[in-house]
């Protein structure tokens, strides 16, 4: 009897787990150069190590590194890939050549029984039984994906390899000013933890800055090192708490791109009247950033301020690994598998 494994591969993390797991195991998309070990948690703030990442600007840059990471994902869970069914959510910008490499790795090197790849941005809609709608993912990357009758419109979709990384980069710069140093292993993990723990999106940033003086706040942070749990007290300035503002104003950190509400509006304005009427009733917001306190209200407010369109906006409750959970839900009746036999005969596509 075969089992199905969901592997949601993003720029910073891989969400890996069996379809009957409640939640995935999370791995970084990098290797430690010196000994080839895969870091599975942040380890403190006192080590400088060299990392080799499989990604650059949201795209797979070194597939050999990614193969090593995927192999270690299986090994760490004591799972043999052979004979398994693998489900791979794919962002809207994944190239055909990368998809072909996935096929080669899983079918030819891992000898899996079947493989499926589906557009990750549409899976949260599909998991809710919605055939036509717009999914806006504010996670490691920013995606806006329109779907009509279960078919993704790639021409009207948007992928920007910046989202929660904007927050992380802002946190890094603010913490440096506060006197903190984070090594290359901890840079992603501890900052992501801080983002989720203390991040806040205020209703009106300019008004908030006028009325609020600088202050320091003590926060207790729990972290792991060498499989042991530690706890440390950090002092942060107010600017760390409001680093999420960069999602709406990337120019704060010298990024010459529109805010996420403006990017979303560009897609909405590109729709013709019939397309808009079809998807406006089901606009779903998901992704890790949408779990940040105050985000949902602020995003809806900013979008309504610049758009004349009437939208029914929903917010997904499962934000931390929403695409993985959506994949799990979609697998219950999923029909579009490619078997190894079919792959060897005619290829995946």
C-alpha atoms as a PDB file:
ATOM      1  CA  UNK A   1       0.000   0.000   0.000  1.00  0.00           C
ATOM      2  CA  UNK A   2       1.462   3.342  -1.017  1.00  0.00           C
ATOM      3  CA  UNK A   3       1.304   6.526   1.004  1.00  0.00           C
ATOM      4  CA  UNK A   4       1.319  10.110  -0.181  1.00  0.00           C
ATOM      5  CA  UNK A   5       3.881  12.699   0.848  1.00  0.00           C
ATOM      6  CA  UNK A   6       3.387  16.445   0.443  1.00  0.00           C
ATOM      7  CA  UNK A   7       6.537  18.505  -0.141  1.00  0.00           C
ATOM      8  CA  UNK A   8       5.906  22.241  -0.346  1.00  0.00           C
ATOM      9  CA  UNK A   9       9.221  23.783  -1.467  1.00  0.00           C
ATOM     10  CA  UNK A  10       9.630  27.521  -0.988  1.00  0.00           C
ATOM     11  CA  UNK A  11      12.605  29.872  -1.147  1.00  0.00           C
ATOM     12  CA  UNK A  12      13.401  29.662   2.572  1.00  0.00           C
ATOM     13  CA  UNK A  13      11.698  26.544   3.892  1.00  0.00           C
ATOM     14  CA  UNK A  14      10.489  23.098   2.848  1.00  0.00           C
ATOM     15  CA  UNK A  15       7.279  21.839   4.425  1.00  0.00           C
ATOM     16  CA  UNK A  16       7.520  18.060   4.404  1.00  0.00           C
ATOM     17  CA  UNK A  17       5.094  15.449   5.696  1.00  0.00           C
ATOM     18  CA  UNK A  18       2.786  12.531   5.030  1.00  0.00           C
ATOM     19  CA  UNK A  19      -0.775  13.250   4.008  1.00  0.00           C
ATOM     20  CA  UNK A  20      -2.067  11.802   7.290  1.00  0.00           C
ATOM     21  CA  UNK A  21       0.161  14.059   9.417  1.00  0.00           C
ATOM     22  CA  UNK A  22      -1.523  16.922  11.251  1.00  0.00           C
ATOM     23  CA  UNK A  23       1.241  19.335  10.273  1.00  0.00           C
ATOM     24  CA  UNK A  24       4.504  19.218   8.296  1.00  0.00           C
ATOM     25  CA  UNK A  25       8.105  19.117   9.449  1.00  0.00           C
ATOM     26  CA  UNK A  26       9.897  22.320   8.436  1.00  0.00           C
ATOM     27  CA  UNK A  27      13.377  22.298   6.872  1.00  0.00           C
ATOM     28  CA  UNK A  28      15.528  25.168   5.560  1.00  0.00           C
ATOM     29  CA  UNK A  29      16.469  25.256   1.870  1.00  0.00           C
ATOM     30  CA  UNK A  30      20.190  25.446   2.589  1.00  0.00           C
ATOM     31  CA  UNK A  31      23.128  23.223   3.489  1.00  0.00           C
ATOM     32  CA  UNK A  32      26.080  23.902   5.744  1.00  0.00           C
ATOM     33  CA  UNK A  33      29.054  23.857   3.366  1.00  0.00           C
ATOM     34  CA  UNK A  34      31.616  22.577   5.838  1.00  0.00           C
ATOM     35  CA  UNK A  35      30.062  19.199   6.638  1.00  0.00           C
ATOM     36  CA  UNK A  36      26.940  18.979   4.511  1.00  0.00           C
ATOM     37  CA  UNK A  37      24.605  18.803   7.492  1.00  0.00           C
ATOM     38  CA  UNK A  38      21.112  20.213   7.258  1.00  0.00           C
ATOM     39  CA  UNK A  39      20.187  22.683  10.019  1.00  0.00           C
ATOM     40  CA  UNK A  40      16.714  21.932  11.382  1.00  0.00           C
ATOM     41  CA  UNK A  41      16.468  24.713  13.964  1.00  0.00           C
ATOM     42  CA  UNK A  42      18.164  27.951  14.878  1.00  0.00           C
ATOM     43  CA  UNK A  43      21.048  27.477  17.271  1.00  0.00           C
ATOM     44  CA  UNK A  44      21.782  30.666  19.195  1.00  0.00           C
ATOM     45  CA  UNK A  45      23.676  33.802  18.192  1.00  0.00           C
ATOM     46  CA  UNK A  46      27.325  32.869  18.579  1.00  0.00           C
ATOM     47  CA  UNK A  47      28.319  30.801  15.555  1.00  0.00           C
ATOM     48  CA  UNK A  48      29.386  31.916  12.094  1.00  0.00           C
ATOM     49  CA  UNK A  49      28.867  29.202   9.496  1.00  0.00           C
ATOM     50  CA  UNK A  50      28.751  29.175   5.723  1.00  0.00           C
ATOM     51  CA  UNK A  51      25.472  28.165   4.120  1.00  0.00           C
ATOM     52  CA  UNK A  52      24.807  27.096   0.572  1.00  0.00           C
ATOM     53  CA  UNK A  53      21.286  27.932  -0.528  1.00  0.00           C
ATOM     54  CA  UNK A  54      19.377  26.131  -3.265  1.00  0.00           C
ATOM     55  CA  UNK A  55      17.431  29.298  -4.115  1.00  0.00           C
ATOM     56  CA  UNK A  56      18.036  32.787  -5.367  1.00  0.00           C
ATOM     57  CA  UNK A  57      15.305  35.397  -5.844  1.00  0.00           C
ATOM     58  CA  UNK A  58      12.580  32.816  -5.423  1.00  0.00           C
ATOM     59  CA  UNK A  59      13.928  30.378  -8.017  1.00  0.00           C
ATOM     60  CA  UNK A  60      15.889  27.140  -7.750  1.00  0.00           C
ATOM     61  CA  UNK A  61      19.491  28.080  -8.508  1.00  0.00           C
ATOM     62  CA  UNK A  62      21.316  24.881  -7.503  1.00  0.00           C
ATOM     63  CA  UNK A  63      19.249  21.746  -7.995  1.00  0.00           C
ATOM     64  CA  UNK A  64      22.095  19.542  -6.745  1.00  0.00           C
ATOM     65  CA  UNK A  65      21.856  21.251  -3.348  1.00  0.00           C
ATOM     66  CA  UNK A  66      18.079  20.861  -3.390  1.00  0.00           C
ATOM     67  CA  UNK A  67      18.470  17.140  -4.107  1.00  0.00           C
ATOM     68  CA  UNK A  68      20.723  16.792  -1.062  1.00  0.00           C
ATOM     69  CA  UNK A  69      18.210  18.641   1.101  1.00  0.00           C
ATOM     70  CA  UNK A  70      15.285  16.531  -0.121  1.00  0.00           C
ATOM     71  CA  UNK A  71      17.282  13.358   0.496  1.00  0.00           C
ATOM     72  CA  UNK A  72      17.986  14.515   4.054  1.00  0.00           C
ATOM     73  CA  UNK A  73      14.283  15.316   4.538  1.00  0.00           C
ATOM     74  CA  UNK A  74      13.423  11.689   3.778  1.00  0.00           C
ATOM     75  CA  UNK A  75      16.281  10.371   5.915  1.00  0.00           C
ATOM     76  CA  UNK A  76      15.381  12.508   8.920  1.00  0.00           C
ATOM     77  CA  UNK A  77      11.856  11.086   8.873  1.00  0.00           C
ATOM     78  CA  UNK A  78      13.078   7.523   8.237  1.00  0.00           C
ATOM     79  CA  UNK A  79      11.026   7.454   5.044  1.00  0.00           C
ATOM     80  CA  UNK A  80      12.035   5.660   1.856  1.00  0.00           C
ATOM     81  CA  UNK A  81      10.944   7.537  -1.243  1.00  0.00           C
ATOM     82  CA  UNK A  82      10.656   4.372  -3.317  1.00  0.00           C
ATOM     83  CA  UNK A  83       7.068   3.373  -3.981  1.00  0.00           C
ATOM     84  CA  UNK A  84       5.648   6.588  -2.562  1.00  0.00           C
ATOM     85  CA  UNK A  85       3.256   9.088  -4.065  1.00  0.00           C
ATOM     86  CA  UNK A  86       4.687  12.631  -4.031  1.00  0.00           C
ATOM     87  CA  UNK A  87       2.573  15.777  -4.245  1.00  0.00           C
ATOM     88  CA  UNK A  88       4.501  18.979  -5.078  1.00  0.00           C
ATOM     89  CA  UNK A  89       2.737  22.355  -4.861  1.00  0.00           C
ATOM     90  CA  UNK A  90       4.360  24.726  -7.382  1.00  0.00           C
ATOM     91  CA  UNK A  91       4.383  28.514  -7.324  1.00  0.00           C
ATOM     92  CA  UNK A  92       3.117  30.249 -10.421  1.00  0.00           C
ATOM     93  CA  UNK A  93       6.666  31.131 -11.485  1.00  0.00           C
ATOM     94  CA  UNK A  94       8.195  27.640 -11.418  1.00  0.00           C
ATOM     95  CA  UNK A  95       9.869  27.017 -14.767  1.00  0.00           C
ATOM     96  CA  UNK A  96       9.295  23.962 -16.924  1.00  0.00           C
ATOM     97  CA  UNK A  97      12.981  23.038 -16.644  1.00  0.00           C
ATOM     98  CA  UNK A  98      12.734  22.914 -12.847  1.00  0.00           C
ATOM     99  CA  UNK A  99       9.593  20.780 -13.065  1.00  0.00           C
ATOM    100  CA  UNK A 100      11.450  18.410 -15.377  1.00  0.00           C
ATOM    101  CA  UNK A 101      14.267  18.155 -12.822  1.00  0.00           C
ATOM    102  CA  UNK A 102      11.734  17.304 -10.113  1.00  0.00           C
ATOM    103  CA  UNK A 103      10.413  14.525 -12.356  1.00  0.00           C
ATOM    104  CA  UNK A 104      13.886  13.172 -13.016  1.00  0.00           C
ATOM    105  CA  UNK A 105      14.804  13.241  -9.329  1.00  0.00           C
ATOM    106  CA  UNK A 106      11.645  11.588  -8.002  1.00  0.00           C
ATOM    107  CA  UNK A 107      10.927   9.108 -10.813  1.00  0.00           C
ATOM    108  CA  UNK A 108      14.438   8.116 -11.842  1.00  0.00           C
ATOM    109  CA  UNK A 109      16.547   8.628  -8.704  1.00  0.00           C
ATOM    110  CA  UNK A 110      13.978   8.027  -5.963  1.00  0.00           C
ATOM    111  CA  UNK A 111      11.817   5.529  -7.876  1.00  0.00           C
ATOM    112  CA  UNK A 112       8.535   6.945  -6.590  1.00  0.00           C
ATOM    113  CA  UNK A 113       5.306   5.336  -7.779  1.00  0.00           C
ATOM    114  CA  UNK A 114       3.451   8.511  -8.758  1.00  0.00           C
ATOM    115  CA  UNK A 115       3.942  12.274  -8.822  1.00  0.00           C
ATOM    116  CA  UNK A 116       1.629  15.280  -8.988  1.00  0.00           C
ATOM    117  CA  UNK A 117       2.386  18.989  -9.342  1.00  0.00           C
ATOM    118  CA  UNK A 118      -0.270  21.640  -8.919  1.00  0.00           C
ATOM    119  CA  UNK A 119      -0.269  25.435  -8.665  1.00  0.00           C
ATOM    120  CA  UNK A 120       0.158  26.242  -4.976  1.00  0.00           C
ATOM    121  CA  UNK A 121      -1.637  29.575  -5.235  1.00  0.00           C
ATOM    122  CA  UNK A 122      -4.876  27.891  -6.277  1.00  0.00           C
ATOM    123  CA  UNK A 123      -4.829  25.041  -3.758  1.00  0.00           C
ATOM    124  CA  UNK A 124      -6.370  27.007  -0.835  1.00  0.00           C
ATOM    125  CA  UNK A 125      -9.368  27.797  -3.042  1.00  0.00           C
ATOM    126  CA  UNK A 126      -9.659  24.206  -4.285  1.00  0.00           C
ATOM    127  CA  UNK A 127      -9.433  22.840  -0.735  1.00  0.00           C
ATOM    128  CA  UNK A 128     -12.537  24.859   0.137  1.00  0.00           C
ATOM    129  CA  UNK A 129     -14.430  23.583  -2.898  1.00  0.00           C
ATOM    130  CA  UNK A 130     -14.217  26.969  -4.659  1.00  0.00           C
ATOM    131  CA  UNK A 131     -13.854  26.622  -8.421  1.00  0.00           C
ATOM    132  CA  UNK A 132     -13.683  30.318  -9.315  1.00  0.00           C
ATOM    133  CA  UNK A 133     -11.967  32.972  -7.224  1.00  0.00           C
ATOM    134  CA  UNK A 134      -8.799  34.887  -6.441  1.00  0.00           C
ATOM    135  CA  UNK A 135      -6.164  33.632  -4.017  1.00  0.00           C
ATOM    136  CA  UNK A 136      -3.689  36.134  -2.534  1.00  0.00           C
ATOM    137  CA  UNK A 137      -0.804  34.441  -0.741  1.00  0.00           C
ATOM    138  CA  UNK A 138       1.326  36.636   1.514  1.00  0.00           C
ATOM    139  CA  UNK A 139       3.916  34.113   2.603  1.00  0.00           C
ATOM    140  CA  UNK A 140       7.602  33.677   1.798  1.00  0.00           C
ATOM    141  CA  UNK A 141       6.710  35.084  -1.620  1.00  0.00           C
ATOM    142  CA  UNK A 142       3.749  37.169  -2.743  1.00  0.00           C
ATOM    143  CA  UNK A 143       1.352  35.540  -5.211  1.00  0.00           C
ATOM    144  CA  UNK A 144      -1.941  36.685  -6.705  1.00  0.00           C
ATOM    145  CA  UNK A 145      -3.611  33.832  -8.579  1.00  0.00           C
ATOM    146  CA  UNK A 146      -7.002  34.090 -10.371  1.00  0.00           C
ATOM    147  CA  UNK A 147      -8.790  30.796 -10.999  1.00  0.00           C
ATOM    148  CA  UNK A 148     -11.773  30.274 -13.289  1.00  0.00           C
ATOM    149  CA  UNK A 149     -13.652  26.951 -13.191  1.00  0.00           C
ATOM    150  CA  UNK A 150     -10.658  25.213 -11.545  1.00  0.00           C
ATOM    151  CA  UNK A 151      -8.257  26.573 -14.197  1.00  0.00           C
ATOM    152  CA  UNK A 152      -5.521  29.017 -13.191  1.00  0.00           C
ATOM    153  CA  UNK A 153      -5.128  32.057 -15.441  1.00  0.00           C
ATOM    154  CA  UNK A 154      -1.338  32.274 -15.696  1.00  0.00           C
ATOM    155  CA  UNK A 155      -1.421  35.443 -17.810  1.00  0.00           C
ATOM    156  CA  UNK A 156      -3.176  37.373 -15.035  1.00  0.00           C
ATOM    157  CA  UNK A 157      -1.212  35.832 -12.161  1.00  0.00           C
ATOM    158  CA  UNK A 158       1.523  37.616 -10.242  1.00  0.00           C
ATOM    159  CA  UNK A 159       4.586  36.271  -8.431  1.00  0.00           C
ATOM    160  CA  UNK A 160       6.988  38.490  -6.469  1.00  0.00           C
ATOM    161  CA  UNK A 161       9.802  36.763  -4.546  1.00  0.00           C
ATOM    162  CA  UNK A 162       9.470  39.222  -1.659  1.00  0.00           C
ATOM    163  CA  UNK A 163       6.976  39.181   1.169  1.00  0.00           C
ATOM    164  CA  UNK A 164       7.777  38.030   4.681  1.00  0.00           C
ATOM    165  CA  UNK A 165      11.432  38.383   3.657  1.00  0.00           C
ATOM    166  CA  UNK A 166      10.821  42.134   3.595  1.00  0.00           C
ATOM    167  CA  UNK A 167       9.845  41.913   7.247  1.00  0.00           C
ATOM    168  CA  UNK A 168      12.817  39.720   8.072  1.00  0.00           C
ATOM    169  CA  UNK A 169      15.266  42.072   6.375  1.00  0.00           C
ATOM    170  CA  UNK A 170      13.760  45.015   8.234  1.00  0.00           C
ATOM    171  CA  UNK A 171      14.019  43.169  11.526  1.00  0.00           C
ATOM    172  CA  UNK A 172      17.659  42.368  10.796  1.00  0.00           C
ATOM    173  CA  UNK A 173      18.542  46.008  10.148  1.00  0.00           C
ATOM    174  CA  UNK A 174      16.613  47.256  13.189  1.00  0.00           C
ATOM    175  CA  UNK A 175      18.123  44.644  15.483  1.00  0.00           C
ATOM    176  CA  UNK A 176      21.597  45.520  14.250  1.00  0.00           C
ATOM    177  CA  UNK A 177      20.956  49.116  15.303  1.00  0.00           C
ATOM    178  CA  UNK A 178      19.822  47.777  18.685  1.00  0.00           C
ATOM    179  CA  UNK A 179      23.172  46.023  19.055  1.00  0.00           C
ATOM    180  CA  UNK A 180      22.228  42.441  18.162  1.00  0.00           C
ATOM    181  CA  UNK A 181      24.093  40.138  15.827  1.00  0.00           C
ATOM    182  CA  UNK A 182      22.642  37.016  14.222  1.00  0.00           C
ATOM    183  CA  UNK A 183      24.770  34.454  12.419  1.00  0.00           C
ATOM    184  CA  UNK A 184      23.798  33.033   9.044  1.00  0.00           C
ATOM    185  CA  UNK A 185      21.993  30.012  10.467  1.00  0.00           C
ATOM    186  CA  UNK A 186      19.943  32.050  12.916  1.00  0.00           C
ATOM    187  CA  UNK A 187      19.202  34.879  10.508  1.00  0.00           C
ATOM    188  CA  UNK A 188      16.172  33.118   9.030  1.00  0.00           C
ATOM    189  CA  UNK A 189      14.871  31.093  11.921  1.00  0.00           C
ATOM    190  CA  UNK A 190      15.076  33.447  14.864  1.00  0.00           C
ATOM    191  CA  UNK A 191      13.919  36.425  12.809  1.00  0.00           C
ATOM    192  CA  UNK A 192      10.960  34.433  11.487  1.00  0.00           C
ATOM    193  CA  UNK A 193      10.142  33.514  15.075  1.00  0.00           C
ATOM    194  CA  UNK A 194      10.320  37.171  16.116  1.00  0.00           C
ATOM    195  CA  UNK A 195       8.137  38.199  13.180  1.00  0.00           C
ATOM    196  CA  UNK A 196       5.425  35.774  14.235  1.00  0.00           C
ATOM    197  CA  UNK A 197       5.779  36.542  17.958  1.00  0.00           C
ATOM    198  CA  UNK A 198       5.973  40.331  18.112  1.00  0.00           C
ATOM    199  CA  UNK A 199       5.020  41.569  14.638  1.00  0.00           C
ATOM    200  CA  UNK A 200       2.091  43.947  14.434  1.00  0.00           C
ATOM    201  CA  UNK A 201       0.433  45.895  11.634  1.00  0.00           C
ATOM    202  CA  UNK A 202      -0.993  49.202  12.823  1.00  0.00           C
ATOM    203  CA  UNK A 203      -4.149  50.713  11.237  1.00  0.00           C
ATOM    204  CA  UNK A 204      -2.443  54.023  10.324  1.00  0.00           C
ATOM    205  CA  UNK A 205       1.352  53.981  10.384  1.00  0.00           C
ATOM    206  CA  UNK A 206       1.923  57.715   9.875  1.00  0.00           C
ATOM    207  CA  UNK A 207      -0.514  58.584  12.654  1.00  0.00           C
ATOM    208  CA  UNK A 208       1.060  55.986  14.913  1.00  0.00           C
ATOM    209  CA  UNK A 209       4.526  57.452  14.380  1.00  0.00           C
ATOM    210  CA  UNK A 210       3.308  60.964  15.211  1.00  0.00           C
ATOM    211  CA  UNK A 211       1.789  59.921  18.511  1.00  0.00           C
ATOM    212  CA  UNK A 212       4.272  57.336  19.717  1.00  0.00           C
ATOM    213  CA  UNK A 213       7.665  58.041  21.226  1.00  0.00           C
ATOM    214  CA  UNK A 214      10.461  55.521  21.101  1.00  0.00           C
ATOM    215  CA  UNK A 215      10.390  52.884  23.797  1.00  0.00           C
ATOM    216  CA  UNK A 216      12.094  49.656  24.781  1.00  0.00           C
ATOM    217  CA  UNK A 217      10.212  46.453  25.500  1.00  0.00           C
ATOM    218  CA  UNK A 218      11.524  43.221  26.990  1.00  0.00           C
ATOM    219  CA  UNK A 219      10.517  40.010  25.223  1.00  0.00           C
ATOM    220  CA  UNK A 220      11.268  36.459  26.359  1.00  0.00           C
ATOM    221  CA  UNK A 221      12.374  34.356  23.376  1.00  0.00           C
ATOM    222  CA  UNK A 222      12.597  30.571  23.483  1.00  0.00           C
ATOM    223  CA  UNK A 223      14.983  28.859  21.082  1.00  0.00           C
ATOM    224  CA  UNK A 224      16.785  25.553  20.577  1.00  0.00           C
ATOM    225  CA  UNK A 225      20.458  24.737  20.310  1.00  0.00           C
ATOM    226  CA  UNK A 226      21.928  21.281  19.893  1.00  0.00           C
ATOM    227  CA  UNK A 227      18.523  19.752  20.688  1.00  0.00           C
ATOM    228  CA  UNK A 228      18.334  21.652  24.005  1.00  0.00           C
ATOM    229  CA  UNK A 229      15.826  24.363  24.829  1.00  0.00           C
ATOM    230  CA  UNK A 230      16.977  27.813  25.911  1.00  0.00           C
ATOM    231  CA  UNK A 231      15.221  31.008  26.892  1.00  0.00           C
ATOM    232  CA  UNK A 232      16.633  34.515  26.710  1.00  0.00           C
ATOM    233  CA  UNK A 233      15.302  38.001  27.360  1.00  0.00           C
ATOM    234  CA  UNK A 234      15.744  40.579  24.596  1.00  0.00           C
ATOM    235  CA  UNK A 235      15.090  44.305  24.613  1.00  0.00           C
ATOM    236  CA  UNK A 236      13.562  45.733  21.430  1.00  0.00           C
ATOM    237  CA  UNK A 237      12.697  49.218  20.255  1.00  0.00           C
ATOM    238  CA  UNK A 238       9.286  50.064  18.852  1.00  0.00           C
ATOM    239  CA  UNK A 239      10.614  50.011  15.271  1.00  0.00           C
ATOM    240  CA  UNK A 240      11.085  46.237  15.496  1.00  0.00           C
ATOM    241  CA  UNK A 241       7.417  45.727  16.308  1.00  0.00           C
ATOM    242  CA  UNK A 242       6.298  47.764  13.310  1.00  0.00           C
ATOM    243  CA  UNK A 243       8.671  46.230  10.759  1.00  0.00           C
ATOM    244  CA  UNK A 244       5.625  44.668   9.046  1.00  0.00           C
ATOM    245  CA  UNK A 245       4.852  48.101   7.601  1.00  0.00           C
ATOM    246  CA  UNK A 246       7.320  47.288   4.796  1.00  0.00           C
ATOM    247  CA  UNK A 247       4.673  45.027   3.224  1.00  0.00           C
ATOM    248  CA  UNK A 248       2.636  48.130   2.452  1.00  0.00           C
ATOM    249  CA  UNK A 249       5.562  50.503   1.915  1.00  0.00           C
ATOM    250  CA  UNK A 250       8.701  48.641   0.685  1.00  0.00           C
ATOM    251  CA  UNK A 251      10.359  52.003  -0.015  1.00  0.00           C
ATOM    252  CA  UNK A 252      10.971  52.224   3.745  1.00  0.00           C
ATOM    253  CA  UNK A 253      13.871  49.830   3.201  1.00  0.00           C
ATOM    254  CA  UNK A 254      14.841  51.122  -0.255  1.00  0.00           C
ATOM    255  CA  UNK A 255      12.914  48.512  -2.247  1.00  0.00           C
ATOM    256  CA  UNK A 256      11.525  50.165  -5.362  1.00  0.00           C
ATOM    257  CA  UNK A 257       8.399  48.030  -5.663  1.00  0.00           C
ATOM    258  CA  UNK A 258       4.720  48.736  -4.908  1.00  0.00           C
ATOM    259  CA  UNK A 259       3.083  47.616  -1.685  1.00  0.00           C
ATOM    260  CA  UNK A 260       1.144  44.361  -1.653  1.00  0.00           C
ATOM    261  CA  UNK A 261      -2.215  46.177  -1.779  1.00  0.00           C
ATOM    262  CA  UNK A 262      -1.071  48.084  -4.893  1.00  0.00           C
ATOM    263  CA  UNK A 263       0.179  44.916  -6.588  1.00  0.00           C
ATOM    264  CA  UNK A 264      -3.148  43.228  -5.876  1.00  0.00           C
ATOM    265  CA  UNK A 265      -5.049  46.184  -7.311  1.00  0.00           C
ATOM    266  CA  UNK A 266      -2.997  45.990 -10.521  1.00  0.00           C
ATOM    267  CA  UNK A 267      -4.227  42.436 -11.068  1.00  0.00           C
ATOM    268  CA  UNK A 268      -7.826  43.405 -10.295  1.00  0.00           C
ATOM    269  CA  UNK A 269      -7.687  46.308 -12.750  1.00  0.00           C
ATOM    270  CA  UNK A 270      -6.395  43.961 -15.473  1.00  0.00           C
ATOM    271  CA  UNK A 271      -9.574  41.853 -15.287  1.00  0.00           C
ATOM    272  CA  UNK A 272     -12.361  42.500 -17.721  1.00  0.00           C
ATOM    273  CA  UNK A 273     -15.865  43.002 -16.339  1.00  0.00           C
ATOM    274  CA  UNK A 274     -16.922  39.371 -16.807  1.00  0.00           C
ATOM    275  CA  UNK A 275     -13.778  38.043 -15.135  1.00  0.00           C
ATOM    276  CA  UNK A 276     -14.206  40.421 -12.226  1.00  0.00           C
ATOM    277  CA  UNK A 277     -17.842  39.425 -11.728  1.00  0.00           C
ATOM    278  CA  UNK A 278     -16.756  35.797 -11.594  1.00  0.00           C
ATOM    279  CA  UNK A 279     -13.994  36.031  -9.021  1.00  0.00           C
ATOM    280  CA  UNK A 280     -15.051  38.994  -6.853  1.00  0.00           C
ATOM    281  CA  UNK A 281     -17.250  36.789  -4.641  1.00  0.00           C
ATOM    282  CA  UNK A 282     -14.333  34.608  -3.551  1.00  0.00           C
ATOM    283  CA  UNK A 283     -11.146  36.520  -2.711  1.00  0.00           C
ATOM    284  CA  UNK A 284      -9.063  34.480  -0.290  1.00  0.00           C
ATOM    285  CA  UNK A 285      -6.096  35.895   1.659  1.00  0.00           C
ATOM    286  CA  UNK A 286      -3.629  33.422   3.169  1.00  0.00           C
ATOM    287  CA  UNK A 287       0.043  32.974   4.033  1.00  0.00           C
ATOM    288  CA  UNK A 288       2.163  33.464   7.136  1.00  0.00           C
ATOM    289  CA  UNK A 289       2.067  37.275   7.021  1.00  0.00           C
ATOM    290  CA  UNK A 290      -1.722  37.257   7.233  1.00  0.00           C
ATOM    291  CA  UNK A 291      -1.394  35.726  10.717  1.00  0.00           C
ATOM    292  CA  UNK A 292       0.358  38.855  11.999  1.00  0.00           C
ATOM    293  CA  UNK A 293      -1.726  40.921  14.368  1.00  0.00           C
ATOM    294  CA  UNK A 294      -3.664  43.641  12.544  1.00  0.00           C
ATOM    295  CA  UNK A 295      -2.672  42.496   9.048  1.00  0.00           C
ATOM    296  CA  UNK A 296      -6.099  41.455   7.788  1.00  0.00           C
ATOM    297  CA  UNK A 297      -7.855  44.688   8.746  1.00  0.00           C
ATOM    298  CA  UNK A 298      -5.061  46.826   7.334  1.00  0.00           C
ATOM    299  CA  UNK A 299      -4.835  44.927   4.038  1.00  0.00           C
ATOM    300  CA  UNK A 300      -8.578  45.140   3.470  1.00  0.00           C
ATOM    301  CA  UNK A 301      -8.578  48.845   4.348  1.00  0.00           C
ATOM    302  CA  UNK A 302      -5.664  49.692   2.030  1.00  0.00           C
ATOM    303  CA  UNK A 303      -7.158  47.716  -0.857  1.00  0.00           C
ATOM    304  CA  UNK A 304     -10.536  49.368  -0.482  1.00  0.00           C
ATOM    305  CA  UNK A 305      -8.906  52.815  -0.395  1.00  0.00           C
ATOM    306  CA  UNK A 306      -7.392  52.409  -3.872  1.00  0.00           C
ATOM    307  CA  UNK A 307      -9.888  50.079  -5.555  1.00  0.00           C
ATOM    308  CA  UNK A 308     -13.397  50.908  -6.706  1.00  0.00           C
ATOM    309  CA  UNK A 309     -14.190  47.197  -6.976  1.00  0.00           C
ATOM    310  CA  UNK A 310     -16.587  45.479  -4.599  1.00  0.00           C
ATOM    311  CA  UNK A 311     -14.882  42.378  -3.216  1.00  0.00           C
ATOM    312  CA  UNK A 312     -15.918  39.644  -0.842  1.00  0.00           C
ATOM    313  CA  UNK A 313     -12.654  39.059   1.051  1.00  0.00           C
ATOM    314  CA  UNK A 314     -12.071  35.946   3.139  1.00  0.00           C
ATOM    315  CA  UNK A 315      -9.093  35.191   5.365  1.00  0.00           C
ATOM    316  CA  UNK A 316      -7.685  31.703   5.754  1.00  0.00           C
ATOM    317  CA  UNK A 317      -7.277  30.588   9.362  1.00  0.00           C
ATOM    318  CA  UNK A 318      -4.443  28.143   8.537  1.00  0.00           C
ATOM    319  CA  UNK A 319      -1.677  30.582   7.737  1.00  0.00           C
ATOM    320  CA  UNK A 320       1.677  29.189   8.854  1.00  0.00           C
ATOM    321  CA  UNK A 321       1.749  26.399   6.257  1.00  0.00           C
ATOM    322  CA  UNK A 322      -1.530  26.996   4.477  1.00  0.00           C
ATOM    323  CA  UNK A 323      -0.470  25.569   1.097  1.00  0.00           C
ATOM    324  CA  UNK A 324       0.684  22.327   2.724  1.00  0.00           C
ATOM    325  CA  UNK A 325      -2.623  21.964   4.567  1.00  0.00           C
ATOM    326  CA  UNK A 326      -4.548  22.870   1.413  1.00  0.00           C
ATOM    327  CA  UNK A 327      -2.615  20.191  -0.479  1.00  0.00           C
ATOM    328  CA  UNK A 328      -3.533  17.669   2.185  1.00  0.00           C
ATOM    329  CA  UNK A 329      -7.211  18.532   1.808  1.00  0.00           C
ATOM    330  CA  UNK A 330      -7.077  18.419  -2.007  1.00  0.00           C
ATOM    331  CA  UNK A 331      -5.483  14.961  -1.993  1.00  0.00           C
ATOM    332  CA  UNK A 332      -8.674  13.345  -0.710  1.00  0.00           C
ATOM    333  CA  UNK A 333     -10.135  13.318  -4.228  1.00  0.00           C
ATOM    334  CA  UNK A 334      -7.119  14.198  -6.362  1.00  0.00           C
ATOM    335  CA  UNK A 335      -7.177  12.634  -9.837  1.00  0.00           C
ATOM    336  CA  UNK A 336      -4.258  14.165 -11.723  1.00  0.00           C
ATOM    337  CA  UNK A 337      -1.415  11.844 -10.791  1.00  0.00           C
ATOM    338  CA  UNK A 338       1.322  10.843 -13.198  1.00  0.00           C
ATOM    339  CA  UNK A 339       2.526   7.269 -12.708  1.00  0.00           C
ATOM    340  CA  UNK A 340       6.146   6.253 -13.234  1.00  0.00           C
ATOM    341  CA  UNK A 341       5.015   4.035 -16.114  1.00  0.00           C
ATOM    342  CA  UNK A 342       3.317   6.956 -17.844  1.00  0.00           C
ATOM    343  CA  UNK A 343       6.340   9.178 -17.194  1.00  0.00           C
ATOM    344  CA  UNK A 344       8.722   6.670 -18.792  1.00  0.00           C
ATOM    345  CA  UNK A 345       6.423   6.317 -21.803  1.00  0.00           C
ATOM    346  CA  UNK A 346       5.598   9.931 -22.566  1.00  0.00           C
ATOM    347  CA  UNK A 347       7.030  12.228 -19.901  1.00  0.00           C
ATOM    348  CA  UNK A 348       5.181  14.072 -17.152  1.00  0.00           C
ATOM    349  CA  UNK A 349       3.703  16.900 -19.252  1.00  0.00           C
END
